[in-house]
Amino acid sequence: MAKPNYQYEKRQKELEKKRKKEEKLKRKQERPAETDEGQEAVDGTPLDGAPAPEEE
């Protein structure tokens, strides 16, 4: 019976972790561009042209 190659399994696991980490980082870099729609301008009015909520 052949013995298991633990180094190969470990390397594959490390490569998978690295790939997932890079994908997550890529998603985080893309996210700020997507959230700009909901951001408010400096004066407090929403950037999308909708009226600002009334303050009391």
PDB file of N, CA and C in Angstrom:
ATOM      1  N   MET A   1       0.836  -1.181   0.000  1.00  0.00           N
ATOM      2  CA  MET A   1       0.000   0.000   0.000  1.00  0.00           C
ATOM      3  C   MET A   1       0.885   1.251   0.000  1.00  0.00           C
ATOM      4  N   ALA A   2       0.509   2.246  -0.805  1.00  0.00           N
ATOM      5  CA  ALA A   2       1.292   3.476  -0.902  1.00  0.00           C
ATOM      6  C   ALA A   2       1.023   4.372   0.304  1.00  0.00           C
ATOM      7  N   LYS A   3       2.066   5.018   0.762  1.00  0.00           N
ATOM      8  CA  LYS A   3       1.882   5.922   1.900  1.00  0.00           C
ATOM      9  C   LYS A   3       1.395   7.290   1.403  1.00  0.00           C
ATOM     10  N   PRO A   4       0.608   7.975   2.202  1.00  0.00           N
ATOM     11  CA  PRO A   4       0.081   9.279   1.790  1.00  0.00           C
ATOM     12  C   PRO A   4       1.184  10.333   1.718  1.00  0.00           C
ATOM     13  N   ASN A   5       1.041  11.237   0.761  1.00  0.00           N
ATOM     14  CA  ASN A   5       2.006  12.308   0.585  1.00  0.00           C
ATOM     15  C   ASN A   5       1.461  13.555   1.285  1.00  0.00           C
ATOM     16  N   TYR A   6       1.801  13.706   2.544  1.00  0.00           N
ATOM     17  CA  TYR A   6       1.266  14.799   3.345  1.00  0.00           C
ATOM     18  C   TYR A   6       1.778  16.164   2.880  1.00  0.00           C
ATOM     19  N   GLN A   7       2.988  16.209   2.368  1.00  0.00           N
ATOM     20  CA  GLN A   7       3.521  17.488   1.900  1.00  0.00           C
ATOM     21  C   GLN A   7       2.712  18.014   0.718  1.00  0.00           C
ATOM     22  N   TYR A   8       2.311  17.124  -0.184  1.00  0.00           N
ATOM     23  CA  TYR A   8       1.497  17.526  -1.329  1.00  0.00           C
ATOM     24  C   TYR A   8       0.151  18.073  -0.849  1.00  0.00           C
ATOM     25  N   GLU A   9      -0.475  17.357   0.085  1.00  0.00           N
ATOM     26  CA  GLU A   9      -1.770  17.799   0.611  1.00  0.00           C
ATOM     27  C   GLU A   9      -1.647  19.158   1.295  1.00  0.00           C
ATOM     28  N   LYS A  10      -0.585  19.337   2.065  1.00  0.00           N
ATOM     29  CA  LYS A  10      -0.369  20.601   2.758  1.00  0.00           C
ATOM     30  C   LYS A  10      -0.173  21.731   1.751  1.00  0.00           C
ATOM     31  N   ARG A  11       0.607  21.476   0.720  1.00  0.00           N
ATOM     32  CA  ARG A  11       0.863  22.495  -0.307  1.00  0.00           C
ATOM     33  C   ARG A  11      -0.437  22.887  -1.016  1.00  0.00           C
ATOM     34  N   GLN A  12      -1.259  21.906  -1.336  1.00  0.00           N
ATOM     35  CA  GLN A  12      -2.531  22.190  -2.006  1.00  0.00           C
ATOM     36  C   GLN A  12      -3.440  23.031  -1.106  1.00  0.00           C
ATOM     37  N   LYS A  13      -3.441  22.701   0.176  1.00  0.00           N
ATOM     38  CA  LYS A  13      -4.253  23.450   1.137  1.00  0.00           C
ATOM     39  C   LYS A  13      -3.763  24.895   1.235  1.00  0.00           C
ATOM     40  N   GLU A  14      -2.448  25.090   1.265  1.00  0.00           N
ATOM     41  CA  GLU A  14      -1.876  26.429   1.333  1.00  0.00           C
ATOM     42  C   GLU A  14      -2.205  27.231   0.080  1.00  0.00           C
ATOM     43  N   LEU A  15      -2.130  26.587  -1.084  1.00  0.00           N
ATOM     44  CA  LEU A  15      -2.459  27.266  -2.335  1.00  0.00           C
ATOM     45  C   LEU A  15      -3.930  27.688  -2.362  1.00  0.00           C
ATOM     46  N   GLU A  16      -4.799  26.832  -1.853  1.00  0.00           N
ATOM     47  CA  GLU A  16      -6.226  27.143  -1.795  1.00  0.00           C
ATOM     48  C   GLU A  16      -6.474  28.339  -0.870  1.00  0.00           C
ATOM     49  N   LYS A  17      -5.810  28.368   0.287  1.00  0.00           N
ATOM     50  CA  LYS A  17      -5.949  29.491   1.216  1.00  0.00           C
ATOM     51  C   LYS A  17      -5.477  30.789   0.561  1.00  0.00           C
ATOM     52  N   LYS A  18      -4.344  30.710  -0.134  1.00  0.00           N
ATOM     53  CA  LYS A  18      -3.786  31.886  -0.786  1.00  0.00           C
ATOM     54  C   LYS A  18      -4.736  32.404  -1.862  1.00  0.00           C
ATOM     55  N   ARG A  19      -5.321  31.496  -2.637  1.00  0.00           N
ATOM     56  CA  ARG A  19      -6.248  31.874  -3.701  1.00  0.00           C
ATOM     57  C   ARG A  19      -7.489  32.553  -3.110  1.00  0.00           C
ATOM     58  N   LYS A  20      -8.030  31.974  -2.040  1.00  0.00           N
ATOM     59  CA  LYS A  20      -9.219  32.555  -1.404  1.00  0.00           C
ATOM     60  C   LYS A  20      -8.909  33.930  -0.820  1.00  0.00           C
ATOM     61  N   LYS A  21      -7.728  34.077  -0.221  1.00  0.00           N
ATOM     62  CA  LYS A  21      -7.338  35.353   0.363  1.00  0.00           C
ATOM     63  C   LYS A  21      -7.225  36.426  -0.716  1.00  0.00           C
ATOM     64  N   GLU A  22      -6.641  36.069  -1.865  1.00  0.00           N
ATOM     65  CA  GLU A  22      -6.504  37.018  -2.964  1.00  0.00           C
ATOM     66  C   GLU A  22      -7.868  37.415  -3.519  1.00  0.00           C
ATOM     67  N   GLU A  23      -8.786  36.450  -3.626  1.00  0.00           N
ATOM     68  CA  GLU A  23     -10.130  36.750  -4.119  1.00  0.00           C
ATOM     69  C   GLU A  23     -10.858  37.691  -3.160  1.00  0.00           C
ATOM     70  N   LYS A  24     -10.703  37.453  -1.866  1.00  0.00           N
ATOM     71  CA  LYS A  24     -11.346  38.299  -0.861  1.00  0.00           C
ATOM     72  C   LYS A  24     -10.792  39.722  -0.939  1.00  0.00           C
ATOM     73  N   LEU A  25      -9.484  39.844  -1.084  1.00  0.00           N
ATOM     74  CA  LEU A  25      -8.851  41.149  -1.189  1.00  0.00           C
ATOM     75  C   LEU A  25      -9.348  41.879  -2.433  1.00  0.00           C
ATOM     76  N   LYS A  26      -9.487  41.146  -3.521  1.00  0.00           N
ATOM     77  CA  LYS A  26      -9.979  41.729  -4.770  1.00  0.00           C
ATOM     78  C   LYS A  26     -11.408  42.241  -4.598  1.00  0.00           C
ATOM     79  N   ARG A  27     -12.249  41.449  -3.918  1.00  0.00           N
ATOM     80  CA  ARG A  27     -13.631  41.876  -3.676  1.00  0.00           C
ATOM     81  C   ARG A  27     -13.665  43.129  -2.810  1.00  0.00           C
ATOM     82  N   LYS A  28     -12.797  43.202  -1.804  1.00  0.00           N
ATOM     83  CA  LYS A  28     -12.760  44.370  -0.927  1.00  0.00           C
ATOM     84  C   LYS A  28     -12.346  45.618  -1.701  1.00  0.00           C
ATOM     85  N   GLN A  29     -11.431  45.469  -2.657  1.00  0.00           N
ATOM     86  CA  GLN A  29     -10.992  46.608  -3.452  1.00  0.00           C
ATOM     87  C   GLN A  29     -12.094  47.078  -4.388  1.00  0.00           C
ATOM     88  N   GLU A  30     -12.931  46.167  -4.866  1.00  0.00           N
ATOM     89  CA  GLU A  30     -14.024  46.526  -5.762  1.00  0.00           C
ATOM     90  C   GLU A  30     -15.195  47.127  -4.999  1.00  0.00           C
ATOM     91  N   ARG A  31     -15.381  46.766  -3.758  1.00  0.00           N
ATOM     92  CA  ARG A  31     -16.542  47.186  -2.965  1.00  0.00           C
ATOM     93  C   ARG A  31     -16.667  48.707  -2.805  1.00  0.00           C
ATOM     94  N   PRO A  32     -15.625  49.473  -2.464  1.00  0.00           N
ATOM     95  CA  PRO A  32     -15.807  50.919  -2.288  1.00  0.00           C
ATOM     96  C   PRO A  32     -16.383  51.602  -3.530  1.00  0.00           C
ATOM     97  N   ALA A  33     -16.059  51.151  -4.713  1.00  0.00           N
ATOM     98  CA  ALA A  33     -16.595  51.741  -5.935  1.00  0.00           C
ATOM     99  C   ALA A  33     -18.095  51.496  -6.026  1.00  0.00           C
ATOM    100  N   GLU A  34     -18.565  50.364  -5.540  1.00  0.00           N
ATOM    101  CA  GLU A  34     -19.980  50.032  -5.604  1.00  0.00           C
ATOM    102  C   GLU A  34     -20.785  50.798  -4.559  1.00  0.00           C
ATOM    103  N   THR A  35     -20.197  51.128  -3.431  1.00  0.00           N
ATOM    104  CA  THR A  35     -20.937  51.771  -2.342  1.00  0.00           C
ATOM    105  C   THR A  35     -21.001  53.282  -2.493  1.00  0.00           C
ATOM    106  N   ASP A  36     -20.390  53.861  -3.507  1.00  0.00           N
ATOM    107  CA  ASP A  36     -20.426  55.307  -3.700  1.00  0.00           C
ATOM    108  C   ASP A  36     -21.838  55.820  -3.938  1.00  0.00           C
ATOM    109  N   GLU A  37     -22.724  54.984  -4.475  1.00  0.00           N
ATOM    110  CA  GLU A  37     -24.087  55.417  -4.772  1.00  0.00           C
ATOM    111  C   GLU A  37     -24.827  55.840  -3.509  1.00  0.00           C
ATOM    112  N   GLY A  38     -24.628  55.147  -2.413  1.00  0.00           N
ATOM    113  CA  GLY A  38     -25.333  55.443  -1.176  1.00  0.00           C
ATOM    114  C   GLY A  38     -24.655  56.496  -0.326  1.00  0.00           C
ATOM    115  N   GLN A  39     -23.504  56.951  -0.719  1.00  0.00           N
ATOM    116  CA  GLN A  39     -22.764  57.935   0.069  1.00  0.00           C
ATOM    117  C   GLN A  39     -23.408  59.307  -0.061  1.00  0.00           C
ATOM    118  N   GLU A  40     -23.219  60.136   0.943  1.00  0.00           N
ATOM    119  CA  GLU A  40     -23.723  61.498   0.907  1.00  0.00           C
ATOM    120  C   GLU A  40     -22.587  62.447   0.565  1.00  0.00           C
ATOM    121  N   ALA A  41     -22.935  63.543  -0.065  1.00  0.00           N
ATOM    122  CA  ALA A  41     -21.955  64.566  -0.392  1.00  0.00           C
ATOM    123  C   ALA A  41     -21.546  65.276   0.893  1.00  0.00           C
ATOM    124  N   VAL A  42     -20.582  66.167   0.791  1.00  0.00           N
ATOM    125  CA  VAL A  42     -20.055  66.871   1.953  1.00  0.00           C
ATOM    126  C   VAL A  42     -21.138  67.702   2.639  1.00  0.00           C
ATOM    127  N   ASP A  43     -22.056  68.294   1.865  1.00  0.00           N
ATOM    128  CA  ASP A  43     -23.082  69.143   2.463  1.00  0.00           C
ATOM    129  C   ASP A  43     -24.247  68.354   3.047  1.00  0.00           C
ATOM    130  N   GLY A  44     -24.230  67.028   2.951  1.00  0.00           N
ATOM    131  CA  GLY A  44     -25.253  66.207   3.573  1.00  0.00           C
ATOM    132  C   GLY A  44     -26.337  65.737   2.621  1.00  0.00           C
ATOM    133  N   THR A  45     -26.301  66.180   1.369  1.00  0.00           N
ATOM    134  CA  THR A  45     -27.300  65.711   0.411  1.00  0.00           C
ATOM    135  C   THR A  45     -26.808  64.429  -0.242  1.00  0.00           C
ATOM    136  N   PRO A  46     -27.700  63.479  -0.480  1.00  0.00           N
ATOM    137  CA  PRO A  46     -27.283  62.239  -1.138  1.00  0.00           C
ATOM    138  C   PRO A  46     -26.755  62.526  -2.538  1.00  0.00           C
ATOM    139  N   LEU A  47     -25.779  61.752  -2.977  1.00  0.00           N
ATOM    140  CA  LEU A  47     -25.176  61.971  -4.279  1.00  0.00           C
ATOM    141  C   LEU A  47     -26.103  61.596  -5.429  1.00  0.00           C
ATOM    142  N   ASP A  48     -27.088  60.729  -5.206  1.00  0.00           N
ATOM    143  CA  ASP A  48     -27.934  60.261  -6.298  1.00  0.00           C
ATOM    144  C   ASP A  48     -29.041  61.250  -6.660  1.00  0.00           C
ATOM    145  N   GLY A  49     -29.113  62.405  -6.023  1.00  0.00           N
ATOM    146  CA  GLY A  49     -30.085  63.426  -6.371  1.00  0.00           C
ATOM    147  C   GLY A  49     -31.366  63.352  -5.572  1.00  0.00           C
ATOM    148  N   ALA A  50     -31.533  62.371  -4.719  1.00  0.00           N
ATOM    149  CA  ALA A  50     -32.735  62.258  -3.902  1.00  0.00           C
ATOM    150  C   ALA A  50     -32.691  63.327  -2.813  1.00  0.00           C
ATOM    151  N   PRO A  51     -33.853  63.822  -2.398  1.00  0.00           N
ATOM    152  CA  PRO A  51     -33.853  64.847  -1.340  1.00  0.00           C
ATOM    153  C   PRO A  51     -33.342  64.283  -0.017  1.00  0.00           C
ATOM    154  N   ALA A  52     -32.671  65.120   0.718  1.00  0.00           N
ATOM    155  CA  ALA A  52     -32.129  64.707   2.012  1.00  0.00           C
ATOM    156  C   ALA A  52     -33.259  64.606   3.027  1.00  0.00           C
ATOM    157  N   PRO A  53     -33.169  63.697   3.991  1.00  0.00           N
ATOM    158  CA  PRO A  53     -34.207  63.599   5.025  1.00  0.00           C
ATOM    159  C   PRO A  53     -34.219  64.857   5.893  1.00  0.00           C
ATOM    160  N   GLU A  54     -35.409  65.230   6.339  1.00  0.00           N
ATOM    161  CA  GLU A  54     -35.557  66.423   7.172  1.00  0.00           C
ATOM    162  C   GLU A  54     -34.968  66.175   8.557  1.00  0.00           C
ATOM    163  N   GLU A  55     -34.250  67.168   9.069  1.00  0.00           N
ATOM    164  CA  GLU A  55     -33.674  67.065  10.405  1.00  0.00           C
ATOM    165  C   GLU A  55     -34.490  67.926  11.356  1.00  0.00           C
ATOM    166  N   GLU A  56     -34.632  67.479  12.577  1.00  0.00           N
ATOM    167  CA  GLU A  56     -35.408  68.240  13.560  1.00  0.00           C
ATOM    168  C   GLU A  56     -34.509  68.860  14.582  1.00  0.00           C
TER     169      GLU A  56
END
